[in-house]
Amino acid sequence: MTDERARHYGVTERVTTLQMPAERLEFAPESFDLFLAKSVVHHLLIDQVMPLICRFLTPGGRGAIIE
């Protein structure tokens, strides 16, 4: 769906989608200003995932997980 919306709004060159287990997120430290996840908490090993999310957020970056 994300790819379809990117095409619709003409921003495909600025959008990349990836799929991987949250417990194995493979991003460089301080890679993102914003992290958003929806309807996934019940799938996560939260004690493993939260340190990863904090690591790849930039200083002052924001994150939200919405169930």
Protein backbone atom coordinates (compact mmCIF):
# COMPACT_ATOMS: atom_id res chain seq x y z
CA MET A 1 0.00 0.00 0.00
CA THR A 2 2.84 2.43 0.78
CA ASP A 3 4.33 1.94 -2.68
CA GLU A 4 0.92 2.54 -4.28
CA ARG A 5 0.46 5.79 -2.36
CA ALA A 6 3.98 6.94 -3.23
CA ARG A 7 3.20 6.38 -6.94
CA HIS A 8 -0.14 8.18 -6.60
CA TYR A 9 1.52 11.25 -5.05
CA GLY A 10 4.55 11.15 -7.36
CA VAL A 11 7.14 10.65 -4.63
CA THR A 12 8.46 7.16 -5.43
CA GLU A 13 12.03 8.47 -5.70
CA ARG A 14 11.84 9.60 -2.04
CA VAL A 15 10.13 6.52 -0.55
CA THR A 16 11.72 3.17 0.23
CA THR A 17 9.82 0.33 1.85
CA LEU A 18 11.51 -2.55 3.64
CA GLN A 19 10.15 -5.58 5.43
CA MET A 20 12.03 -7.37 8.20
CA PRO A 21 11.40 -8.72 11.69
CA ALA A 22 11.38 -5.84 14.17
CA GLU A 23 13.78 -7.72 16.43
CA ARG A 24 16.35 -7.63 13.61
CA LEU A 25 16.07 -4.05 12.40
CA GLU A 26 19.20 -3.33 10.39
CA PHE A 27 19.63 0.43 10.25
CA ALA A 28 22.65 2.54 11.03
CA PRO A 29 22.59 4.48 14.29
CA GLU A 30 20.84 7.86 14.06
CA SER A 31 19.30 7.07 10.65
CA PHE A 32 15.78 8.36 11.28
CA ASP A 33 14.13 11.51 12.61
CA LEU A 34 10.77 9.77 12.92
CA PHE A 35 9.62 6.22 13.59
CA LEU A 36 5.97 5.15 13.39
CA ALA A 37 4.51 1.67 13.76
CA LYS A 38 0.83 0.79 13.80
CA SER A 39 -0.95 -2.36 14.98
CA VAL A 40 2.24 -4.31 15.66
CA VAL A 41 2.81 -4.29 19.42
CA HIS A 42 1.20 -7.69 19.91
CA HIS A 43 3.76 -9.14 17.46
CA LEU A 44 6.86 -7.62 19.09
CA LEU A 45 9.36 -8.76 21.64
CA ILE A 46 9.22 -5.25 23.01
CA ASP A 47 12.27 -5.58 25.29
CA GLN A 48 14.38 -6.39 22.21
CA VAL A 49 12.81 -3.87 19.84
CA MET A 50 12.78 -0.66 21.90
CA PRO A 51 16.58 -0.41 22.29
CA LEU A 52 16.94 -0.84 18.52
CA ILE A 53 14.43 1.92 17.83
CA CYS A 54 16.18 4.25 20.24
CA ARG A 55 19.52 3.49 18.58
CA PHE A 56 18.44 4.39 15.06
CA LEU A 57 16.58 7.59 16.01
CA THR A 58 18.57 10.80 15.67
CA PRO A 59 19.11 12.90 18.80
CA GLY A 60 15.76 14.56 19.40
CA GLY A 61 14.07 12.09 17.03
CA ARG A 62 10.54 10.97 17.80
CA GLY A 63 8.94 7.56 17.77
CA ALA A 64 5.42 6.26 18.21
CA ILE A 65 3.93 2.81 18.35
CA ILE A 66 0.16 2.83 18.08
CA GLU A 67 -1.86 -0.27 18.77
